[in-house]
Amino acid sequence: MAQGKGGGPKPKKIDIEQMQKWARSGATIPEMAARLGVSKATLDRRLAKPKFREALEGAKAELWISLRSKQVQMALAGDRVMLIWLGKQYLGQKDRQEFSGEANVVLNVSSRDEILSRINSMAERIRAAQNNPKPLG
């Protein structure tokens, strides 16, 4: 058996180009390790080295740029869902529903439970005010 520098087993060779290929396809570290024929721990140790870490980060960046580019293409082609999603991600836009009542109270809510909670809270305050009216002046 071949030995490495520290007397242990010789380190397994990891093909950086193959690792990058799998990273560009969106594979996770455990998935890449399996495809490369090494354990996750081995790949983690190798990724601690700048050469491997930078290669992986560059490949992931390529994937993210490709995805973002495709999303923008879809949005610009009229995909309403993608337009809304990108607006939220890049422009800080939010889903907002406004409800107002006779008390001129505006509620900004995003879920059914939040709506019900706020309505119940307002109803309790109205009941309390009706039972204990404050004197004028």
N, C-alpha and C. Protein backbone atom coordinates (compact mmCIF):
# COMPACT_ATOMS: atom_id res chain seq x y z
N MET A 1 0.84 -1.18 0.00
CA MET A 1 0.00 0.00 0.00
C MET A 1 0.89 1.24 0.00
N ALA A 2 0.57 2.18 -0.85
CA ALA A 2 1.34 3.43 -0.91
C ALA A 2 1.05 4.26 0.31
N GLN A 3 2.04 5.00 0.76
CA GLN A 3 1.86 5.81 1.95
C GLN A 3 2.04 7.29 1.61
N GLY A 4 1.29 8.12 2.36
CA GLY A 4 1.40 9.56 2.20
C GLY A 4 2.53 10.10 3.05
N LYS A 5 2.65 11.41 3.12
CA LYS A 5 3.73 12.07 3.85
C LYS A 5 3.76 11.71 5.33
N GLY A 6 2.62 11.62 5.96
CA GLY A 6 2.55 11.37 7.40
C GLY A 6 2.57 9.90 7.76
N GLY A 7 2.85 9.03 6.81
CA GLY A 7 2.88 7.62 7.08
C GLY A 7 1.54 6.93 6.88
N GLY A 8 0.46 7.70 6.73
CA GLY A 8 -0.86 7.12 6.51
C GLY A 8 -1.04 6.76 5.05
N PRO A 9 -2.25 6.38 4.68
CA PRO A 9 -2.50 6.03 3.29
C PRO A 9 -2.30 7.24 2.38
N LYS A 10 -1.91 6.97 1.16
CA LYS A 10 -1.71 8.03 0.18
C LYS A 10 -3.06 8.70 -0.11
N PRO A 11 -3.09 10.05 -0.14
CA PRO A 11 -4.36 10.73 -0.40
C PRO A 11 -4.95 10.32 -1.75
N LYS A 12 -6.28 10.18 -1.77
CA LYS A 12 -6.96 9.83 -3.02
C LYS A 12 -6.94 11.03 -3.95
N LYS A 13 -6.77 10.75 -5.22
CA LYS A 13 -6.77 11.81 -6.23
C LYS A 13 -8.20 12.25 -6.49
N ILE A 14 -8.40 13.54 -6.48
CA ILE A 14 -9.71 14.11 -6.81
C ILE A 14 -9.54 14.96 -8.05
N ASP A 15 -10.31 14.65 -9.06
CA ASP A 15 -10.26 15.38 -10.33
C ASP A 15 -11.03 16.69 -10.16
N ILE A 16 -10.29 17.79 -10.14
CA ILE A 16 -10.91 19.10 -9.93
C ILE A 16 -11.93 19.42 -11.02
N GLU A 17 -11.61 19.07 -12.26
CA GLU A 17 -12.54 19.36 -13.36
C GLU A 17 -13.86 18.61 -13.19
N GLN A 18 -13.77 17.36 -12.73
CA GLN A 18 -15.00 16.59 -12.48
C GLN A 18 -15.78 17.21 -11.32
N MET A 19 -15.07 17.62 -10.28
CA MET A 19 -15.73 18.27 -9.14
C MET A 19 -16.47 19.52 -9.61
N GLN A 20 -15.82 20.32 -10.45
CA GLN A 20 -16.44 21.53 -10.98
C GLN A 20 -17.67 21.20 -11.83
N LYS A 21 -17.55 20.15 -12.61
CA LYS A 21 -18.68 19.72 -13.45
C LYS A 21 -19.90 19.43 -12.58
N TRP A 22 -19.68 18.68 -11.50
CA TRP A 22 -20.80 18.34 -10.62
C TRP A 22 -21.32 19.57 -9.88
N ALA A 23 -20.42 20.46 -9.50
CA ALA A 23 -20.84 21.70 -8.82
C ALA A 23 -21.69 22.55 -9.76
N ARG A 24 -21.30 22.64 -11.03
CA ARG A 24 -22.07 23.41 -12.01
C ARG A 24 -23.46 22.83 -12.24
N SER A 25 -23.60 21.53 -11.97
CA SER A 25 -24.91 20.89 -12.16
C SER A 25 -25.77 20.99 -10.90
N GLY A 26 -25.21 21.60 -9.83
CA GLY A 26 -25.98 21.81 -8.60
C GLY A 26 -25.83 20.71 -7.57
N ALA A 27 -24.87 19.81 -7.76
CA ALA A 27 -24.69 18.71 -6.81
C ALA A 27 -24.23 19.24 -5.45
N THR A 28 -24.67 18.58 -4.39
CA THR A 28 -24.23 18.91 -3.04
C THR A 28 -22.86 18.28 -2.79
N ILE A 29 -22.24 18.65 -1.69
CA ILE A 29 -20.93 18.07 -1.34
C ILE A 29 -21.02 16.55 -1.22
N PRO A 30 -22.00 16.00 -0.49
CA PRO A 30 -22.10 14.53 -0.42
C PRO A 30 -22.31 13.88 -1.79
N GLU A 31 -23.10 14.53 -2.64
CA GLU A 31 -23.34 13.97 -3.98
C GLU A 31 -22.05 14.00 -4.81
N MET A 32 -21.32 15.12 -4.71
CA MET A 32 -20.05 15.20 -5.45
C MET A 32 -19.07 14.15 -4.95
N ALA A 33 -18.98 13.99 -3.64
CA ALA A 33 -18.06 13.00 -3.08
C ALA A 33 -18.38 11.61 -3.64
N ALA A 34 -19.67 11.26 -3.65
CA ALA A 34 -20.07 9.95 -4.17
C ALA A 34 -19.68 9.80 -5.63
N ARG A 35 -19.93 10.83 -6.44
CA ARG A 35 -19.59 10.78 -7.86
C ARG A 35 -18.08 10.70 -8.09
N LEU A 36 -17.33 11.33 -7.18
CA LEU A 36 -15.87 11.34 -7.32
C LEU A 36 -15.22 10.10 -6.70
N GLY A 37 -16.02 9.27 -6.02
CA GLY A 37 -15.50 8.03 -5.44
C GLY A 37 -14.70 8.23 -4.16
N VAL A 38 -15.02 9.29 -3.42
CA VAL A 38 -14.35 9.54 -2.13
C VAL A 38 -15.41 9.78 -1.07
N SER A 39 -15.00 9.75 0.18
CA SER A 39 -15.95 10.04 1.26
C SER A 39 -16.17 11.54 1.35
N LYS A 40 -17.26 11.92 2.00
CA LYS A 40 -17.53 13.34 2.22
C LYS A 40 -16.40 13.96 3.04
N ALA A 41 -15.92 13.22 4.04
CA ALA A 41 -14.83 13.73 4.88
C ALA A 41 -13.58 14.02 4.05
N THR A 42 -13.28 13.13 3.10
CA THR A 42 -12.12 13.34 2.23
C THR A 42 -12.30 14.59 1.39
N LEU A 43 -13.49 14.74 0.81
CA LEU A 43 -13.74 15.92 -0.01
C LEU A 43 -13.70 17.18 0.86
N ASP A 44 -14.26 17.12 2.06
CA ASP A 44 -14.21 18.28 2.97
C ASP A 44 -12.76 18.68 3.27
N ARG A 45 -11.91 17.70 3.52
CA ARG A 45 -10.49 18.00 3.80
C ARG A 45 -9.83 18.66 2.59
N ARG A 46 -10.15 18.15 1.41
CA ARG A 46 -9.55 18.70 0.20
C ARG A 46 -10.06 20.12 -0.04
N LEU A 47 -11.34 20.36 0.28
CA LEU A 47 -11.92 21.69 0.09
C LEU A 47 -11.36 22.72 1.08
N ALA A 48 -10.64 22.26 2.08
CA ALA A 48 -9.97 23.18 3.01
C ALA A 48 -8.75 23.82 2.34
N LYS A 49 -8.32 23.23 1.24
CA LYS A 49 -7.18 23.77 0.49
C LYS A 49 -7.68 24.81 -0.50
N PRO A 50 -7.00 25.97 -0.56
CA PRO A 50 -7.47 27.05 -1.44
C PRO A 50 -7.71 26.63 -2.89
N LYS A 51 -6.84 25.82 -3.44
CA LYS A 51 -6.97 25.41 -4.85
C LYS A 51 -8.33 24.74 -5.10
N PHE A 52 -8.72 23.83 -4.24
CA PHE A 52 -9.99 23.12 -4.40
C PHE A 52 -11.17 24.01 -4.05
N ARG A 53 -11.05 24.75 -2.94
CA ARG A 53 -12.15 25.62 -2.51
C ARG A 53 -12.47 26.66 -3.58
N GLU A 54 -11.44 27.30 -4.13
CA GLU A 54 -11.65 28.31 -5.16
C GLU A 54 -12.26 27.71 -6.43
N ALA A 55 -11.83 26.51 -6.77
CA ALA A 55 -12.39 25.83 -7.95
C ALA A 55 -13.88 25.55 -7.74
N LEU A 56 -14.23 25.09 -6.54
CA LEU A 56 -15.63 24.79 -6.23
C LEU A 56 -16.45 26.08 -6.22
N GLU A 57 -15.96 27.11 -5.56
CA GLU A 57 -16.70 28.38 -5.48
C GLU A 57 -16.92 28.98 -6.87
N GLY A 58 -15.90 28.89 -7.73
CA GLY A 58 -16.04 29.39 -9.09
C GLY A 58 -17.10 28.64 -9.87
N ALA A 59 -17.13 27.32 -9.72
CA ALA A 59 -18.13 26.51 -10.43
C ALA A 59 -19.54 26.81 -9.92
N LYS A 60 -19.69 26.96 -8.60
CA LYS A 60 -21.00 27.31 -8.03
C LYS A 60 -21.45 28.68 -8.53
N ALA A 61 -20.51 29.63 -8.60
CA ALA A 61 -20.85 30.97 -9.10
C ALA A 61 -21.35 30.89 -10.54
N GLU A 62 -20.73 30.05 -11.35
CA GLU A 62 -21.18 29.88 -12.73
C GLU A 62 -22.63 29.37 -12.77
N LEU A 63 -22.93 28.42 -11.91
CA LEU A 63 -24.30 27.89 -11.84
C LEU A 63 -25.28 28.99 -11.45
N TRP A 64 -24.95 29.74 -10.41
CA TRP A 64 -25.85 30.80 -9.93
C TRP A 64 -26.07 31.87 -10.99
N ILE A 65 -25.01 32.24 -11.69
CA ILE A 65 -25.13 33.24 -12.75
C ILE A 65 -26.04 32.71 -13.86
N SER A 66 -25.86 31.46 -14.23
CA SER A 66 -26.70 30.86 -15.28
C SER A 66 -28.16 30.83 -14.87
N LEU A 67 -28.41 30.44 -13.62
CA LEU A 67 -29.79 30.39 -13.14
C LEU A 67 -30.42 31.77 -13.11
N ARG A 68 -29.69 32.73 -12.55
CA ARG A 68 -30.19 34.10 -12.48
C ARG A 68 -30.48 34.64 -13.88
N SER A 69 -29.59 34.38 -14.80
CA SER A 69 -29.76 34.84 -16.17
C SER A 69 -31.02 34.24 -16.79
N LYS A 70 -31.22 32.96 -16.58
CA LYS A 70 -32.42 32.29 -17.12
C LYS A 70 -33.69 32.86 -16.49
N GLN A 71 -33.64 33.13 -15.19
CA GLN A 71 -34.81 33.70 -14.52
C GLN A 71 -35.15 35.08 -15.08
N VAL A 72 -34.14 35.89 -15.30
CA VAL A 72 -34.36 37.22 -15.87
C VAL A 72 -34.92 37.09 -17.28
N GLN A 73 -34.38 36.16 -18.07
CA GLN A 73 -34.90 35.93 -19.43
C GLN A 73 -36.38 35.57 -19.38
N MET A 74 -36.74 34.67 -18.45
CA MET A 74 -38.14 34.26 -18.33
C MET A 74 -39.02 35.45 -17.94
N ALA A 75 -38.54 36.25 -16.97
CA ALA A 75 -39.32 37.40 -16.54
C ALA A 75 -39.51 38.39 -17.68
N LEU A 76 -38.45 38.67 -18.41
CA LEU A 76 -38.54 39.63 -19.51
C LEU A 76 -39.38 39.10 -20.67
N ALA A 77 -39.54 37.78 -20.74
CA ALA A 77 -40.40 37.18 -21.76
C ALA A 77 -41.86 37.20 -21.34
N GLY A 78 -42.14 37.70 -20.11
CA GLY A 78 -43.53 37.85 -19.68
C GLY A 78 -44.00 36.85 -18.64
N ASP A 79 -43.13 36.04 -18.08
CA ASP A 79 -43.52 35.08 -17.05
C ASP A 79 -43.87 35.87 -15.78
N ARG A 80 -45.17 36.00 -15.50
CA ARG A 80 -45.63 36.83 -14.38
C ARG A 80 -45.12 36.34 -13.04
N VAL A 81 -45.09 35.04 -12.84
CA VAL A 81 -44.61 34.50 -11.57
C VAL A 81 -43.15 34.88 -11.36
N MET A 82 -42.35 34.76 -12.41
CA MET A 82 -40.94 35.10 -12.30
C MET A 82 -40.76 36.60 -12.11
N LEU A 83 -41.58 37.41 -12.75
CA LEU A 83 -41.51 38.86 -12.55
C LEU A 83 -41.76 39.21 -11.08
N ILE A 84 -42.77 38.59 -10.50
CA ILE A 84 -43.11 38.85 -9.10
C ILE A 84 -41.97 38.38 -8.20
N TRP A 85 -41.48 37.17 -8.44
CA TRP A 85 -40.43 36.63 -7.59
C TRP A 85 -39.17 37.49 -7.65
N LEU A 86 -38.76 37.88 -8.86
CA LEU A 86 -37.56 38.71 -9.00
C LEU A 86 -37.77 40.09 -8.38
N GLY A 87 -38.98 40.61 -8.48
CA GLY A 87 -39.28 41.89 -7.84
C GLY A 87 -39.09 41.81 -6.33
N LYS A 88 -39.50 40.70 -5.75
CA LYS A 88 -39.32 40.50 -4.31
C LYS A 88 -37.84 40.34 -3.96
N GLN A 89 -37.11 39.60 -4.78
CA GLN A 89 -35.71 39.33 -4.48
C GLN A 89 -34.82 40.54 -4.68
N TYR A 90 -35.01 41.26 -5.75
CA TYR A 90 -34.08 42.32 -6.12
C TYR A 90 -34.57 43.73 -5.80
N LEU A 91 -35.88 43.89 -5.74
CA LEU A 91 -36.42 45.23 -5.55
C LEU A 91 -37.07 45.43 -4.19
N GLY A 92 -37.03 44.39 -3.35
CA GLY A 92 -37.60 44.51 -2.01
C GLY A 92 -39.12 44.59 -1.99
N GLN A 93 -39.76 44.18 -3.08
CA GLN A 93 -41.22 44.21 -3.13
C GLN A 93 -41.78 43.11 -2.25
N LYS A 94 -42.99 43.33 -1.72
CA LYS A 94 -43.62 42.36 -0.81
C LYS A 94 -45.08 42.19 -1.18
N ASP A 95 -45.62 41.01 -0.83
CA ASP A 95 -47.06 40.82 -0.92
C ASP A 95 -47.66 41.61 0.23
N ARG A 96 -48.64 42.41 -0.08
CA ARG A 96 -49.24 43.20 0.98
C ARG A 96 -50.73 43.31 0.71
N GLN A 97 -51.51 43.06 1.73
CA GLN A 97 -52.96 43.20 1.62
C GLN A 97 -53.38 44.23 2.65
N GLU A 98 -54.18 45.17 2.23
CA GLU A 98 -54.63 46.20 3.15
C GLU A 98 -56.12 46.04 3.38
N PHE A 99 -56.51 46.14 4.64
CA PHE A 99 -57.90 46.09 5.03
C PHE A 99 -58.16 47.34 5.87
N SER A 100 -59.28 47.97 5.65
CA SER A 100 -59.60 49.12 6.50
C SER A 100 -61.05 49.01 6.92
N GLY A 101 -61.35 49.64 8.02
CA GLY A 101 -62.71 49.58 8.54
C GLY A 101 -63.16 50.96 8.93
N GLU A 102 -64.29 51.01 9.63
CA GLU A 102 -64.85 52.29 10.04
C GLU A 102 -63.92 53.07 10.95
N ALA A 103 -63.07 52.38 11.67
CA ALA A 103 -62.17 53.05 12.61
C ALA A 103 -60.94 53.60 11.90
N ASN A 104 -60.94 53.54 10.56
CA ASN A 104 -59.81 54.01 9.77
C ASN A 104 -58.50 53.35 10.20
N VAL A 105 -58.57 52.06 10.44
CA VAL A 105 -57.39 51.29 10.81
C VAL A 105 -56.95 50.52 9.59
N VAL A 106 -55.69 50.61 9.26
CA VAL A 106 -55.15 49.88 8.11
C VAL A 106 -54.29 48.75 8.64
N LEU A 107 -54.57 47.54 8.15
CA LEU A 107 -53.80 46.38 8.54
C LEU A 107 -52.95 45.91 7.37
N ASN A 108 -51.68 45.76 7.56
CA ASN A 108 -50.80 45.16 6.56
C ASN A 108 -50.52 43.74 7.03
N VAL A 109 -51.05 42.77 6.32
CA VAL A 109 -50.92 41.38 6.77
C VAL A 109 -50.51 40.49 5.61
N SER A 110 -49.99 39.32 5.96
CA SER A 110 -49.57 38.42 4.91
C SER A 110 -50.15 37.02 5.04
N SER A 111 -50.87 36.73 6.13
CA SER A 111 -51.41 35.38 6.27
C SER A 111 -52.80 35.42 6.89
N ARG A 112 -53.57 34.39 6.66
CA ARG A 112 -54.92 34.28 7.20
C ARG A 112 -54.91 34.32 8.72
N ASP A 113 -53.97 33.59 9.34
CA ASP A 113 -53.89 33.56 10.80
C ASP A 113 -53.59 34.94 11.36
N GLU A 114 -52.71 35.68 10.68
CA GLU A 114 -52.38 37.02 11.15
C GLU A 114 -53.60 37.93 11.03
N ILE A 115 -54.37 37.79 9.95
CA ILE A 115 -55.58 38.59 9.77
C ILE A 115 -56.55 38.32 10.91
N LEU A 116 -56.82 37.04 11.18
CA LEU A 116 -57.76 36.68 12.25
C LEU A 116 -57.29 37.17 13.60
N SER A 117 -56.01 37.05 13.87
CA SER A 117 -55.45 37.51 15.14
C SER A 117 -55.65 39.02 15.31
N ARG A 118 -55.39 39.77 14.26
CA ARG A 118 -55.53 41.23 14.34
C ARG A 118 -56.99 41.64 14.46
N ILE A 119 -57.87 40.95 13.77
CA ILE A 119 -59.30 41.25 13.86
C ILE A 119 -59.79 40.99 15.28
N ASN A 120 -59.40 39.85 15.84
CA ASN A 120 -59.80 39.53 17.22
C ASN A 120 -59.26 40.55 18.21
N SER A 121 -58.03 40.98 18.01
CA SER A 121 -57.43 41.98 18.89
C SER A 121 -58.19 43.30 18.81
N MET A 122 -58.55 43.71 17.59
CA MET A 122 -59.31 44.95 17.43
C MET A 122 -60.68 44.83 18.06
N ALA A 123 -61.32 43.67 17.90
CA ALA A 123 -62.65 43.46 18.47
C ALA A 123 -62.60 43.53 19.99
N GLU A 124 -61.56 42.97 20.60
CA GLU A 124 -61.41 43.03 22.06
C GLU A 124 -61.24 44.47 22.53
N ARG A 125 -60.45 45.26 21.81
CA ARG A 125 -60.26 46.66 22.19
C ARG A 125 -61.55 47.46 22.06
N ILE A 126 -62.33 47.17 21.02
CA ILE A 126 -63.61 47.88 20.83
C ILE A 126 -64.57 47.52 21.96
N ARG A 127 -64.64 46.20 22.29
CA ARG A 127 -65.53 45.78 23.39
C ARG A 127 -65.11 46.42 24.71
N ALA A 128 -63.81 46.47 24.96
CA ALA A 128 -63.31 47.07 26.20
C ALA A 128 -63.65 48.56 26.25
N ALA A 129 -63.53 49.24 25.13
CA ALA A 129 -63.83 50.68 25.08
C ALA A 129 -65.33 50.92 25.27
N GLN A 130 -66.16 50.02 24.75
CA GLN A 130 -67.61 50.17 24.91
C GLN A 130 -68.03 49.94 26.36
N ASN A 131 -67.36 49.02 27.05
CA ASN A 131 -67.69 48.72 28.44
C ASN A 131 -67.14 49.76 29.40
N ASN A 132 -66.05 50.40 29.06
CA ASN A 132 -65.43 51.40 29.91
C ASN A 132 -65.17 52.68 29.12
N PRO A 133 -66.24 53.40 28.77
CA PRO A 133 -66.00 54.60 27.99
C PRO A 133 -65.20 55.64 28.81
N LYS A 134 -64.29 56.30 28.14
CA LYS A 134 -63.48 57.32 28.81
C LYS A 134 -64.29 58.60 28.87
N PRO A 135 -64.24 59.28 29.99
CA PRO A 135 -64.99 60.56 30.07
C PRO A 135 -64.36 61.58 29.14
N LEU A 136 -65.23 62.40 28.59
CA LEU A 136 -64.76 63.47 27.71
C LEU A 136 -64.13 64.58 28.54
N GLY A 137 -63.11 65.21 27.98
CA GLY A 137 -62.50 66.39 28.59
C GLY A 137 -61.63 66.04 29.68
